[in-house]
């Protein structure tokens, strides 16, 4: 079980740097710190809470006592959903795939483009359709995406797996093949 302090700093780092993966967010946190080191961050403790509180401008006492994500989700789960959707939309925009998303959710591509650039935001009623179109889990109330080390969208997961597969021996690949077939399928696709 992850300590509350670690869960909170990971959540705060995700809120500050949503476009980065977990490792890059940790590096960004360490780069922002005056006295924090990776071993200190791993060990936790009062000095970590003080430095994290300074960086993210939150009360240090809250970091070890309150589950900030749980409170936010309780107050407004749409904030969490929107943050995850926007990260995935920006990834799609970088791939030049906004037309696909617009077609699937039946809106004009200019609408999706305005969402990506921050001119407007999608309405909460569109969140589930967007999550499905982006191959994101739709249980955003219970899934802490900021703790995930793997990419959120299907295409990015496939690209990462291709990279990792290149590092494996043929024997390992043979053992993993059945599980990979299940993992790489798109939602709703039969294996």
C-alpha atoms as a PDB file:
ATOM      1  CA  UNK A   1       0.000   0.000   0.000  1.00  0.00           C
ATOM      2  CA  UNK A   2       1.345   3.397  -0.974  1.00  0.00           C
ATOM      3  CA  UNK A   3       1.907   5.802   1.910  1.00  0.00           C
ATOM      4  CA  UNK A   4      -0.445   8.765   2.006  1.00  0.00           C
ATOM      5  CA  UNK A   5       2.414  11.264   1.642  1.00  0.00           C
ATOM      6  CA  UNK A   6       3.633   9.560  -1.543  1.00  0.00           C
ATOM      7  CA  UNK A   7       0.115   9.307  -2.958  1.00  0.00           C
ATOM      8  CA  UNK A   8      -0.386  13.018  -2.294  1.00  0.00           C
ATOM      9  CA  UNK A   9       2.882  14.215  -3.835  1.00  0.00           C
ATOM     10  CA  UNK A  10       2.309  12.011  -6.889  1.00  0.00           C
ATOM     11  CA  UNK A  11      -1.175  13.479  -7.229  1.00  0.00           C
ATOM     12  CA  UNK A  12       0.066  17.069  -6.862  1.00  0.00           C
ATOM     13  CA  UNK A  13       2.843  16.442  -9.414  1.00  0.00           C
ATOM     14  CA  UNK A  14       0.277  15.013 -11.836  1.00  0.00           C
ATOM     15  CA  UNK A  15      -1.884  18.110 -11.417  1.00  0.00           C
ATOM     16  CA  UNK A  16       1.114  20.384 -12.093  1.00  0.00           C
ATOM     17  CA  UNK A  17       2.644  18.358 -14.966  1.00  0.00           C
ATOM     18  CA  UNK A  18      -0.175  16.228 -16.490  1.00  0.00           C
ATOM     19  CA  UNK A  19       1.588  15.858 -19.860  1.00  0.00           C
ATOM     20  CA  UNK A  20       4.580  14.057 -18.299  1.00  0.00           C
ATOM     21  CA  UNK A  21       4.815  10.374 -17.439  1.00  0.00           C
ATOM     22  CA  UNK A  22       5.340   9.276 -13.849  1.00  0.00           C
ATOM     23  CA  UNK A  23       9.149   9.210 -14.024  1.00  0.00           C
ATOM     24  CA  UNK A  24       9.363  12.627 -15.668  1.00  0.00           C
ATOM     25  CA  UNK A  25       6.978  14.071 -13.058  1.00  0.00           C
ATOM     26  CA  UNK A  26       9.249  12.765 -10.292  1.00  0.00           C
ATOM     27  CA  UNK A  27      12.260  14.321 -12.041  1.00  0.00           C
ATOM     28  CA  UNK A  28      10.397  17.636 -12.399  1.00  0.00           C
ATOM     29  CA  UNK A  29       9.534  17.559  -8.700  1.00  0.00           C
ATOM     30  CA  UNK A  30      13.167  16.922  -7.769  1.00  0.00           C
ATOM     31  CA  UNK A  31      14.312  19.701 -10.110  1.00  0.00           C
ATOM     32  CA  UNK A  32      11.891  22.107  -8.385  1.00  0.00           C
ATOM     33  CA  UNK A  33      13.121  21.145  -4.933  1.00  0.00           C
ATOM     34  CA  UNK A  34      15.764  23.025  -3.007  1.00  0.00           C
ATOM     35  CA  UNK A  35      16.894  20.190  -0.737  1.00  0.00           C
ATOM     36  CA  UNK A  36      15.040  17.071  -1.859  1.00  0.00           C
ATOM     37  CA  UNK A  37      16.834  14.026  -3.286  1.00  0.00           C
ATOM     38  CA  UNK A  38      15.446  10.837  -4.816  1.00  0.00           C
ATOM     39  CA  UNK A  39      16.350   8.676  -1.763  1.00  0.00           C
ATOM     40  CA  UNK A  40      14.689  11.204   0.543  1.00  0.00           C
ATOM     41  CA  UNK A  41      11.586  11.222  -1.627  1.00  0.00           C
ATOM     42  CA  UNK A  42      11.460   7.431  -1.532  1.00  0.00           C
ATOM     43  CA  UNK A  43      11.879   7.317   2.246  1.00  0.00           C
ATOM     44  CA  UNK A  44       9.273   9.992   2.963  1.00  0.00           C
ATOM     45  CA  UNK A  45       9.229  11.830   6.248  1.00  0.00           C
ATOM     46  CA  UNK A  46       8.675  15.333   7.581  1.00  0.00           C
ATOM     47  CA  UNK A  47      11.406  16.972   5.482  1.00  0.00           C
ATOM     48  CA  UNK A  48       9.789  15.596   2.318  1.00  0.00           C
ATOM     49  CA  UNK A  49       6.385  16.879   3.410  1.00  0.00           C
ATOM     50  CA  UNK A  50       7.824  20.348   4.058  1.00  0.00           C
ATOM     51  CA  UNK A  51       9.558  20.562   0.677  1.00  0.00           C
ATOM     52  CA  UNK A  52       6.571  19.187  -1.256  1.00  0.00           C
ATOM     53  CA  UNK A  53       4.296  21.621   0.586  1.00  0.00           C
ATOM     54  CA  UNK A  54       6.584  24.508  -0.403  1.00  0.00           C
ATOM     55  CA  UNK A  55       6.670  23.465  -4.072  1.00  0.00           C
ATOM     56  CA  UNK A  56       2.909  22.947  -4.410  1.00  0.00           C
ATOM     57  CA  UNK A  57       1.859  25.640  -1.918  1.00  0.00           C
ATOM     58  CA  UNK A  58      -0.226  23.389   0.326  1.00  0.00           C
ATOM     59  CA  UNK A  59      -0.135  22.974   4.109  1.00  0.00           C
ATOM     60  CA  UNK A  60       2.545  20.406   5.024  1.00  0.00           C
ATOM     61  CA  UNK A  61       0.349  18.912   7.735  1.00  0.00           C
ATOM     62  CA  UNK A  62      -2.286  18.001   5.134  1.00  0.00           C
ATOM     63  CA  UNK A  63       0.093  15.831   3.109  1.00  0.00           C
ATOM     64  CA  UNK A  64       0.344  13.089   5.711  1.00  0.00           C
ATOM     65  CA  UNK A  65      -3.188  13.279   7.086  1.00  0.00           C
ATOM     66  CA  UNK A  66      -5.577  13.935   4.193  1.00  0.00           C
ATOM     67  CA  UNK A  67      -6.087  12.025   0.951  1.00  0.00           C
ATOM     68  CA  UNK A  68      -6.157  15.002  -1.401  1.00  0.00           C
ATOM     69  CA  UNK A  69      -7.369  13.030  -4.431  1.00  0.00           C
ATOM     70  CA  UNK A  70     -10.190  11.358  -2.513  1.00  0.00           C
ATOM     71  CA  UNK A  71     -11.332  14.754  -1.264  1.00  0.00           C
ATOM     72  CA  UNK A  72     -11.205  16.258  -4.742  1.00  0.00           C
ATOM     73  CA  UNK A  73     -13.131  13.339  -6.243  1.00  0.00           C
ATOM     74  CA  UNK A  74     -15.692  13.625  -3.481  1.00  0.00           C
ATOM     75  CA  UNK A  75     -16.022  17.359  -4.132  1.00  0.00           C
ATOM     76  CA  UNK A  76     -15.862  17.270  -7.923  1.00  0.00           C
ATOM     77  CA  UNK A  77     -14.930  14.113  -9.814  1.00  0.00           C
ATOM     78  CA  UNK A  78     -15.377  16.005 -13.097  1.00  0.00           C
ATOM     79  CA  UNK A  79     -12.142  17.906 -12.414  1.00  0.00           C
ATOM     80  CA  UNK A  80     -10.218  14.616 -12.364  1.00  0.00           C
ATOM     81  CA  UNK A  81     -11.987  13.324 -15.466  1.00  0.00           C
ATOM     82  CA  UNK A  82     -11.355  16.519 -17.410  1.00  0.00           C
ATOM     83  CA  UNK A  83      -7.648  16.552 -16.545  1.00  0.00           C
ATOM     84  CA  UNK A  84      -7.207  12.983 -17.815  1.00  0.00           C
ATOM     85  CA  UNK A  85      -9.266  13.614 -20.934  1.00  0.00           C
ATOM     86  CA  UNK A  86      -7.253  16.730 -21.764  1.00  0.00           C
ATOM     87  CA  UNK A  87      -3.929  14.872 -21.495  1.00  0.00           C
ATOM     88  CA  UNK A  88      -5.208  12.175 -23.854  1.00  0.00           C
ATOM     89  CA  UNK A  89      -6.710  14.754 -26.249  1.00  0.00           C
ATOM     90  CA  UNK A  90      -3.391  16.600 -26.420  1.00  0.00           C
ATOM     91  CA  UNK A  91      -1.648  13.317 -27.232  1.00  0.00           C
ATOM     92  CA  UNK A  92      -4.151  12.722 -30.029  1.00  0.00           C
ATOM     93  CA  UNK A  93      -3.638  16.285 -31.283  1.00  0.00           C
ATOM     94  CA  UNK A  94       0.118  15.713 -31.403  1.00  0.00           C
ATOM     95  CA  UNK A  95      -0.576  12.619 -33.525  1.00  0.00           C
ATOM     96  CA  UNK A  96      -2.899  14.635 -35.813  1.00  0.00           C
ATOM     97  CA  UNK A  97      -5.901  12.469 -34.872  1.00  0.00           C
ATOM     98  CA  UNK A  98      -8.475  15.055 -33.761  1.00  0.00           C
ATOM     99  CA  UNK A  99     -10.723  14.295 -36.760  1.00  0.00           C
ATOM    100  CA  UNK A 100     -11.118  10.716 -35.491  1.00  0.00           C
ATOM    101  CA  UNK A 101     -12.208  11.872 -32.042  1.00  0.00           C
ATOM    102  CA  UNK A 102     -14.592  14.476 -33.459  1.00  0.00           C
ATOM    103  CA  UNK A 103     -16.206  11.869 -35.722  1.00  0.00           C
ATOM    104  CA  UNK A 104     -16.632   9.304 -32.924  1.00  0.00           C
ATOM    105  CA  UNK A 105     -18.283  11.730 -30.502  1.00  0.00           C
ATOM    106  CA  UNK A 106     -20.210  13.521 -33.268  1.00  0.00           C
ATOM    107  CA  UNK A 107     -18.871  17.063 -32.913  1.00  0.00           C
ATOM    108  CA  UNK A 108     -17.076  19.378 -35.305  1.00  0.00           C
ATOM    109  CA  UNK A 109     -13.286  19.094 -35.329  1.00  0.00           C
ATOM    110  CA  UNK A 110     -13.058  22.818 -34.535  1.00  0.00           C
ATOM    111  CA  UNK A 111     -14.844  22.092 -31.234  1.00  0.00           C
ATOM    112  CA  UNK A 112     -12.273  19.455 -30.313  1.00  0.00           C
ATOM    113  CA  UNK A 113      -9.496  21.825 -31.373  1.00  0.00           C
ATOM    114  CA  UNK A 114     -10.862  24.519 -29.040  1.00  0.00           C
ATOM    115  CA  UNK A 115     -10.866  21.982 -26.204  1.00  0.00           C
ATOM    116  CA  UNK A 116      -7.240  21.070 -26.891  1.00  0.00           C
ATOM    117  CA  UNK A 117      -6.083  24.693 -27.014  1.00  0.00           C
ATOM    118  CA  UNK A 118      -8.012  25.564 -23.852  1.00  0.00           C
ATOM    119  CA  UNK A 119     -10.340  28.080 -25.484  1.00  0.00           C
ATOM    120  CA  UNK A 120     -13.292  26.041 -24.185  1.00  0.00           C
ATOM    121  CA  UNK A 121     -13.725  22.815 -22.225  1.00  0.00           C
ATOM    122  CA  UNK A 122     -15.938  19.839 -22.952  1.00  0.00           C
ATOM    123  CA  UNK A 123     -19.101  19.701 -20.893  1.00  0.00           C
ATOM    124  CA  UNK A 124     -19.259  16.997 -18.201  1.00  0.00           C
ATOM    125  CA  UNK A 125     -22.005  15.246 -20.186  1.00  0.00           C
ATOM    126  CA  UNK A 126     -19.405  14.474 -22.880  1.00  0.00           C
ATOM    127  CA  UNK A 127     -16.785  13.012 -20.522  1.00  0.00           C
ATOM    128  CA  UNK A 128     -17.809   9.351 -20.783  1.00  0.00           C
ATOM    129  CA  UNK A 129     -18.069   9.503 -24.594  1.00  0.00           C
ATOM    130  CA  UNK A 130     -14.668  11.199 -24.767  1.00  0.00           C
ATOM    131  CA  UNK A 131     -13.139   8.656 -22.387  1.00  0.00           C
ATOM    132  CA  UNK A 132     -14.466   5.799 -24.542  1.00  0.00           C
ATOM    133  CA  UNK A 133     -13.269   7.478 -27.768  1.00  0.00           C
ATOM    134  CA  UNK A 134      -9.807   7.950 -26.251  1.00  0.00           C
ATOM    135  CA  UNK A 135      -9.734   4.384 -24.889  1.00  0.00           C
ATOM    136  CA  UNK A 136      -9.524   5.687 -21.323  1.00  0.00           C
ATOM    137  CA  UNK A 137     -11.130   3.901 -18.410  1.00  0.00           C
ATOM    138  CA  UNK A 138     -14.495   5.518 -17.737  1.00  0.00           C
ATOM    139  CA  UNK A 139     -14.429   4.900 -13.983  1.00  0.00           C
ATOM    140  CA  UNK A 140     -12.579   8.136 -13.354  1.00  0.00           C
ATOM    141  CA  UNK A 141     -14.125   8.400  -9.901  1.00  0.00           C
ATOM    142  CA  UNK A 142     -12.105   5.395  -8.712  1.00  0.00           C
ATOM    143  CA  UNK A 143      -9.071   5.200 -11.024  1.00  0.00           C
ATOM    144  CA  UNK A 144      -6.114   7.333  -9.881  1.00  0.00           C
ATOM    145  CA  UNK A 145      -4.559   7.853 -13.332  1.00  0.00           C
ATOM    146  CA  UNK A 146      -1.717   9.884 -11.884  1.00  0.00           C
ATOM    147  CA  UNK A 147      -0.327   6.727 -10.251  1.00  0.00           C
ATOM    148  CA  UNK A 148      -0.103   4.845 -13.539  1.00  0.00           C
ATOM    149  CA  UNK A 149       3.324   4.543 -15.130  1.00  0.00           C
ATOM    150  CA  UNK A 150       1.994   3.323 -18.472  1.00  0.00           C
ATOM    151  CA  UNK A 151       0.496   5.667 -21.083  1.00  0.00           C
ATOM    152  CA  UNK A 152      -3.257   6.132 -20.942  1.00  0.00           C
ATOM    153  CA  UNK A 153      -4.241   5.868 -24.584  1.00  0.00           C
ATOM    154  CA  UNK A 154      -4.210   2.643 -26.559  1.00  0.00           C
ATOM    155  CA  UNK A 155      -1.816   3.802 -29.311  1.00  0.00           C
ATOM    156  CA  UNK A 156       0.736   4.956 -26.756  1.00  0.00           C
ATOM    157  CA  UNK A 157       0.450   1.653 -24.848  1.00  0.00           C
ATOM    158  CA  UNK A 158       1.067  -0.259 -28.091  1.00  0.00           C
ATOM    159  CA  UNK A 159       4.083   1.923 -28.960  1.00  0.00           C
ATOM    160  CA  UNK A 160       5.566   1.403 -25.500  1.00  0.00           C
ATOM    161  CA  UNK A 161       5.025  -2.352 -25.754  1.00  0.00           C
ATOM    162  CA  UNK A 162       6.744  -2.442 -29.157  1.00  0.00           C
ATOM    163  CA  UNK A 163       9.759  -0.763 -27.585  1.00  0.00           C
ATOM    164  CA  UNK A 164       9.790  -3.155 -24.623  1.00  0.00           C
ATOM    165  CA  UNK A 165       9.298  -6.189 -26.857  1.00  0.00           C
ATOM    166  CA  UNK A 166      12.457  -5.284 -28.752  1.00  0.00           C
ATOM    167  CA  UNK A 167      14.368  -5.749 -25.499  1.00  0.00           C
ATOM    168  CA  UNK A 168      13.080  -9.295 -24.830  1.00  0.00           C
ATOM    169  CA  UNK A 169      14.384 -12.703 -25.816  1.00  0.00           C
ATOM    170  CA  UNK A 170      12.331 -14.950 -28.136  1.00  0.00           C
ATOM    171  CA  UNK A 171      11.709 -17.364 -25.238  1.00  0.00           C
ATOM    172  CA  UNK A 172      10.233 -14.612 -23.080  1.00  0.00           C
ATOM    173  CA  UNK A 173       8.059 -13.426 -25.959  1.00  0.00           C
ATOM    174  CA  UNK A 174       6.726 -16.944 -26.492  1.00  0.00           C
ATOM    175  CA  UNK A 175       5.732 -17.128 -22.812  1.00  0.00           C
ATOM    176  CA  UNK A 176       4.071 -13.709 -22.911  1.00  0.00           C
ATOM    177  CA  UNK A 177       2.195 -14.074 -26.212  1.00  0.00           C
ATOM    178  CA  UNK A 178      -1.209 -15.153 -24.810  1.00  0.00           C
ATOM    179  CA  UNK A 179      -1.266 -12.288 -22.314  1.00  0.00           C
ATOM    180  CA  UNK A 180      -0.140  -9.761 -24.919  1.00  0.00           C
ATOM    181  CA  UNK A 181      -2.994 -10.710 -27.241  1.00  0.00           C
ATOM    182  CA  UNK A 182      -5.470  -9.864 -24.476  1.00  0.00           C
ATOM    183  CA  UNK A 183      -3.657  -6.675 -23.452  1.00  0.00           C
ATOM    184  CA  UNK A 184      -3.339  -5.271 -26.978  1.00  0.00           C
ATOM    185  CA  UNK A 185      -6.953  -5.717 -27.974  1.00  0.00           C
ATOM    186  CA  UNK A 186      -9.096  -2.639 -28.229  1.00  0.00           C
ATOM    187  CA  UNK A 187     -12.097  -2.317 -25.921  1.00  0.00           C
ATOM    188  CA  UNK A 188     -14.949  -4.436 -27.232  1.00  0.00           C
ATOM    189  CA  UNK A 189     -12.679  -6.473 -29.544  1.00  0.00           C
ATOM    190  CA  UNK A 190     -12.700 -10.248 -29.143  1.00  0.00           C
ATOM    191  CA  UNK A 191      -9.468 -12.201 -28.874  1.00  0.00           C
END
